[in-house]
Amino acid sequence: MHTVFISTGSNLGNRENFLSKAEEEITVHAGSILAASHIIETPPWGNTEQPAFLNQVLKIKTRFPPLFLMESLLDIEKAMGRNRTEKWGPRIIDIDILFFNNRIINEEDLCIPHPHLHEREFVLKPMVEIAPDFVHPVFQKTMSELLQELNNA
């Protein structure tokens, strides 16, 4: 079994409902949820001309290898109505793998840890809530340390 941290986000429609539905689908198609952060509302990142997001981080256990898990999560997004038309654009649901155990994966279709997570307060705050001492395998810093560095920047 693998321990994985996943971020979910939504900024269209009934955002809370979409996050709840994503949790249900992840449980059915990806793995069991061990911990869930509180849902936080945050301004958009990247493309700022869009509605605010609701974001959450989930810690799951899965038997799936990384690429298969990512494909499962993309299938969940698609089934929920996500259309990937614009980078960092508005979306019903966004599901990203943040960490997969302590692995570092740099493949064409998959980068783990998520390459921008250390720049995103909407990821670090929920990570600190459920795993403050988890160490980023590239930066060798805890989630608490990364959040503190981001806040001091």
C-alpha atoms as a PDB file:
ATOM      1  CA  MET A   1       0.000   0.000   0.000  1.00  0.00           C
ATOM      2  CA  HIS A   2       1.093   3.541  -0.747  1.00  0.00           C
ATOM      3  CA  THR A   3       0.485   6.773   1.158  1.00  0.00           C
ATOM      4  CA  VAL A   4      -0.508   9.616  -1.127  1.00  0.00           C
ATOM      5  CA  PHE A   5      -1.455  13.261  -0.586  1.00  0.00           C
ATOM      6  CA  ILE A   6      -3.962  14.690  -3.055  1.00  0.00           C
ATOM      7  CA  SER A   7      -5.259  18.228  -3.444  1.00  0.00           C
ATOM      8  CA  THR A   8      -8.777  18.975  -4.618  1.00  0.00           C
ATOM      9  CA  GLY A   9     -10.156  22.310  -5.712  1.00  0.00           C
ATOM     10  CA  SER A  10     -13.260  23.825  -7.291  1.00  0.00           C
ATOM     11  CA  ASN A  11     -14.282  27.327  -8.297  1.00  0.00           C
ATOM     12  CA  LEU A  12     -17.445  26.769 -10.345  1.00  0.00           C
ATOM     13  CA  GLY A  13     -21.001  25.925  -9.339  1.00  0.00           C
ATOM     14  CA  ASN A  14     -21.670  24.302  -5.979  1.00  0.00           C
ATOM     15  CA  ARG A  15     -18.008  24.085  -4.976  1.00  0.00           C
ATOM     16  CA  GLU A  16     -18.563  22.257  -1.673  1.00  0.00           C
ATOM     17  CA  ASN A  17     -20.711  19.671  -3.414  1.00  0.00           C
ATOM     18  CA  PHE A  18     -18.019  19.064  -6.038  1.00  0.00           C
ATOM     19  CA  LEU A  19     -15.340  18.567  -3.360  1.00  0.00           C
ATOM     20  CA  SER A  20     -17.615  16.166  -1.496  1.00  0.00           C
ATOM     21  CA  LYS A  21     -18.363  14.236  -4.693  1.00  0.00           C
ATOM     22  CA  ALA A  22     -14.629  14.071  -5.475  1.00  0.00           C
ATOM     23  CA  GLU A  23     -13.997  12.549  -2.031  1.00  0.00           C
ATOM     24  CA  GLU A  24     -16.662   9.915  -2.684  1.00  0.00           C
ATOM     25  CA  GLU A  25     -15.226   9.089  -6.105  1.00  0.00           C
ATOM     26  CA  ILE A  26     -11.665   8.922  -4.784  1.00  0.00           C
ATOM     27  CA  THR A  27     -12.815   6.458  -2.133  1.00  0.00           C
ATOM     28  CA  VAL A  28     -14.493   4.273  -4.767  1.00  0.00           C
ATOM     29  CA  HIS A  29     -11.866   4.489  -7.524  1.00  0.00           C
ATOM     30  CA  ALA A  30      -8.517   5.394  -5.952  1.00  0.00           C
ATOM     31  CA  GLY A  31      -8.112   4.434  -2.301  1.00  0.00           C
ATOM     32  CA  SER A  32      -9.258   4.926   1.257  1.00  0.00           C
ATOM     33  CA  ILE A  33      -9.110   8.385   2.788  1.00  0.00           C
ATOM     34  CA  LEU A  34      -7.059   8.467   5.983  1.00  0.00           C
ATOM     35  CA  ALA A  35      -7.283  12.210   6.673  1.00  0.00           C
ATOM     36  CA  ALA A  36      -8.941  15.281   5.185  1.00  0.00           C
ATOM     37  CA  SER A  37      -8.058  18.888   5.857  1.00  0.00           C
ATOM     38  CA  HIS A  38     -10.670  21.545   6.399  1.00  0.00           C
ATOM     39  CA  ILE A  39     -11.903  23.186   3.219  1.00  0.00           C
ATOM     40  CA  ILE A  40     -10.416  26.636   2.695  1.00  0.00           C
ATOM     41  CA  GLU A  41     -11.405  29.408   0.304  1.00  0.00           C
ATOM     42  CA  THR A  42      -8.565  31.007  -1.615  1.00  0.00           C
ATOM     43  CA  PRO A  43      -8.064  33.412  -4.485  1.00  0.00           C
ATOM     44  CA  PRO A  44      -7.146  31.883  -7.848  1.00  0.00           C
ATOM     45  CA  TRP A  45      -3.473  31.218  -8.623  1.00  0.00           C
ATOM     46  CA  GLY A  46      -1.955  31.769 -12.069  1.00  0.00           C
ATOM     47  CA  ASN A  47      -4.997  33.137 -13.905  1.00  0.00           C
ATOM     48  CA  THR A  48      -6.453  35.537 -11.335  1.00  0.00           C
ATOM     49  CA  GLU A  49      -9.470  36.670 -13.418  1.00  0.00           C
ATOM     50  CA  GLN A  50     -11.845  33.981 -12.148  1.00  0.00           C
ATOM     51  CA  PRO A  51     -13.902  33.080  -9.046  1.00  0.00           C
ATOM     52  CA  ALA A  52     -12.303  32.062  -5.740  1.00  0.00           C
ATOM     53  CA  PHE A  53     -11.518  28.403  -5.110  1.00  0.00           C
ATOM     54  CA  LEU A  54     -12.421  26.010  -2.363  1.00  0.00           C
ATOM     55  CA  ASN A  55      -9.429  23.746  -1.681  1.00  0.00           C
ATOM     56  CA  GLN A  56      -8.718  20.685   0.418  1.00  0.00           C
ATOM     57  CA  VAL A  57      -5.944  18.134   0.886  1.00  0.00           C
ATOM     58  CA  LEU A  58      -6.626  14.431   1.352  1.00  0.00           C
ATOM     59  CA  LYS A  59      -4.283  11.745   2.625  1.00  0.00           C
ATOM     60  CA  ILE A  60      -5.117   8.382   1.091  1.00  0.00           C
ATOM     61  CA  LYS A  61      -3.884   4.810   1.056  1.00  0.00           C
ATOM     62  CA  THR A  62      -3.863   3.188  -2.364  1.00  0.00           C
ATOM     63  CA  ARG A  63      -2.649  -0.009  -3.944  1.00  0.00           C
ATOM     64  CA  PHE A  64      -2.277   1.655  -7.347  1.00  0.00           C
ATOM     65  CA  PRO A  65       1.074   2.675  -8.862  1.00  0.00           C
ATOM     66  CA  PRO A  66       1.527   6.417  -9.537  1.00  0.00           C
ATOM     67  CA  LEU A  67       0.611   6.594 -13.234  1.00  0.00           C
ATOM     68  CA  PHE A  68      -2.447   4.376 -12.819  1.00  0.00           C
ATOM     69  CA  LEU A  69      -3.579   6.493  -9.856  1.00  0.00           C
ATOM     70  CA  MET A  70      -3.164   9.684 -11.892  1.00  0.00           C
ATOM     71  CA  GLU A  71      -5.225   8.188 -14.723  1.00  0.00           C
ATOM     72  CA  SER A  72      -7.936   7.245 -12.214  1.00  0.00           C
ATOM     73  CA  LEU A  73      -8.021  10.790 -10.848  1.00  0.00           C
ATOM     74  CA  LEU A  74      -8.224  12.252 -14.361  1.00  0.00           C
ATOM     75  CA  ASP A  75     -11.118   9.875 -15.085  1.00  0.00           C
ATOM     76  CA  ILE A  76     -12.886  11.154 -11.954  1.00  0.00           C
ATOM     77  CA  GLU A  77     -12.407  14.764 -13.104  1.00  0.00           C
ATOM     78  CA  LYS A  78     -13.776  13.937 -16.548  1.00  0.00           C
ATOM     79  CA  ALA A  79     -16.774  12.027 -15.146  1.00  0.00           C
ATOM     80  CA  MET A  80     -17.575  15.023 -12.927  1.00  0.00           C
ATOM     81  CA  GLY A  81     -17.634  17.310 -15.976  1.00  0.00           C
ATOM     82  CA  ARG A  82     -14.167  18.840 -16.060  1.00  0.00           C
ATOM     83  CA  ASN A  83     -13.095  20.162 -19.453  1.00  0.00           C
ATOM     84  CA  ARG A  84      -9.389  20.963 -19.772  1.00  0.00           C
ATOM     85  CA  THR A  85      -9.552  23.935 -22.117  1.00  0.00           C
ATOM     86  CA  GLU A  86      -7.454  26.598 -20.374  1.00  0.00           C
ATOM     87  CA  LYS A  87      -4.355  26.261 -18.193  1.00  0.00           C
ATOM     88  CA  TRP A  88      -5.139  27.494 -14.663  1.00  0.00           C
ATOM     89  CA  GLY A  89      -8.678  28.299 -15.826  1.00  0.00           C
ATOM     90  CA  PRO A  90     -11.962  27.925 -13.938  1.00  0.00           C
ATOM     91  CA  ARG A  91     -12.940  24.352 -13.160  1.00  0.00           C
ATOM     92  CA  ILE A  92     -15.642  22.256 -11.582  1.00  0.00           C
ATOM     93  CA  ILE A  93     -13.000  20.026 -10.036  1.00  0.00           C
ATOM     94  CA  ASP A  94      -9.234  19.799  -9.975  1.00  0.00           C
ATOM     95  CA  ILE A  95      -7.482  16.788  -8.451  1.00  0.00           C
ATOM     96  CA  ASP A  96      -3.694  16.675  -8.202  1.00  0.00           C
ATOM     97  CA  ILE A  97      -1.244  14.231  -6.672  1.00  0.00           C
ATOM     98  CA  LEU A  98       1.013  16.185  -4.339  1.00  0.00           C
ATOM     99  CA  PHE A  99       3.131  13.368  -2.908  1.00  0.00           C
ATOM    100  CA  PHE A 100       3.323   9.624  -3.519  1.00  0.00           C
ATOM    101  CA  ASN A 101       5.111   8.068  -0.537  1.00  0.00           C
ATOM    102  CA  ASN A 102       8.485   9.835  -0.614  1.00  0.00           C
ATOM    103  CA  ARG A 103       9.057   9.205  -4.305  1.00  0.00           C
ATOM    104  CA  ILE A 104      10.411  11.651  -6.835  1.00  0.00           C
ATOM    105  CA  ILE A 105       8.948  11.040 -10.290  1.00  0.00           C
ATOM    106  CA  ASN A 106       9.823  13.159 -13.324  1.00  0.00           C
ATOM    107  CA  GLU A 107       8.129  11.693 -16.358  1.00  0.00           C
ATOM    108  CA  GLU A 108       6.524  13.362 -19.344  1.00  0.00           C
ATOM    109  CA  ASP A 109       2.996  12.760 -18.024  1.00  0.00           C
ATOM    110  CA  LEU A 110       3.642  12.841 -14.285  1.00  0.00           C
ATOM    111  CA  CYS A 111       5.739  14.946 -11.902  1.00  0.00           C
ATOM    112  CA  ILE A 112       5.699  14.066  -8.209  1.00  0.00           C
ATOM    113  CA  PRO A 113       6.032  15.916  -5.897  1.00  0.00           C
ATOM    114  CA  HIS A 114       3.769  18.430  -7.584  1.00  0.00           C
ATOM    115  CA  PRO A 115       6.219  20.992  -9.021  1.00  0.00           C
ATOM    116  CA  HIS A 116       4.463  24.123  -7.721  1.00  0.00           C
ATOM    117  CA  LEU A 117       3.154  23.016  -4.335  1.00  0.00           C
ATOM    118  CA  HIS A 118       5.828  24.892  -2.381  1.00  0.00           C
ATOM    119  CA  GLU A 119       4.591  28.151  -4.007  1.00  0.00           C
ATOM    120  CA  ARG A 120       0.927  27.614  -3.159  1.00  0.00           C
ATOM    121  CA  GLU A 121      -0.466  28.568   0.196  1.00  0.00           C
ATOM    122  CA  PHE A 122      -3.743  26.830  -0.708  1.00  0.00           C
ATOM    123  CA  VAL A 123      -1.815  23.544  -0.745  1.00  0.00           C
ATOM    124  CA  LEU A 124       0.615  24.158   2.106  1.00  0.00           C
ATOM    125  CA  LYS A 125      -1.966  25.325   4.682  1.00  0.00           C
ATOM    126  CA  PRO A 126      -4.080  22.158   4.379  1.00  0.00           C
ATOM    127  CA  MET A 127      -0.919  20.010   4.247  1.00  0.00           C
ATOM    128  CA  VAL A 128       0.272  21.583   7.498  1.00  0.00           C
ATOM    129  CA  GLU A 129      -3.107  20.857   9.049  1.00  0.00           C
ATOM    130  CA  ILE A 130      -2.944  17.098   8.378  1.00  0.00           C
ATOM    131  CA  ALA A 131       0.817  16.430   7.999  1.00  0.00           C
ATOM    132  CA  PRO A 132       2.919  19.314   9.380  1.00  0.00           C
ATOM    133  CA  ASP A 133       6.054  17.184   9.742  1.00  0.00           C
ATOM    134  CA  PHE A 134       5.873  15.487   6.342  1.00  0.00           C
ATOM    135  CA  VAL A 135       9.202  16.128   4.602  1.00  0.00           C
ATOM    136  CA  HIS A 136       9.265  17.237   0.972  1.00  0.00           C
ATOM    137  CA  PRO A 137      11.581  14.693  -0.697  1.00  0.00           C
ATOM    138  CA  VAL A 138      13.217  17.290  -2.976  1.00  0.00           C
ATOM    139  CA  PHE A 139      13.622  20.269  -0.630  1.00  0.00           C
ATOM    140  CA  GLN A 140      14.129  18.179   2.521  1.00  0.00           C
ATOM    141  CA  LYS A 141      11.895  20.565   4.496  1.00  0.00           C
ATOM    142  CA  THR A 142       8.701  19.906   6.410  1.00  0.00           C
ATOM    143  CA  MET A 143       5.362  21.270   5.261  1.00  0.00           C
ATOM    144  CA  SER A 144       5.465  23.672   8.236  1.00  0.00           C
ATOM    145  CA  GLU A 145       8.879  24.955   7.158  1.00  0.00           C
ATOM    146  CA  LEU A 146       7.758  25.440   3.549  1.00  0.00           C
ATOM    147  CA  LEU A 147       4.650  27.352   4.646  1.00  0.00           C
ATOM    148  CA  GLN A 148       6.715  29.543   6.950  1.00  0.00           C
ATOM    149  CA  GLU A 149       9.165  30.292   4.115  1.00  0.00           C
ATOM    150  CA  LEU A 150       6.305  31.164   1.758  1.00  0.00           C
ATOM    151  CA  ASN A 151       4.720  33.471   4.322  1.00  0.00           C
ATOM    152  CA  ASN A 152       8.079  35.210   4.904  1.00  0.00           C
ATOM    153  CA  ALA A 153       8.759  35.722   1.188  1.00  0.00           C
END
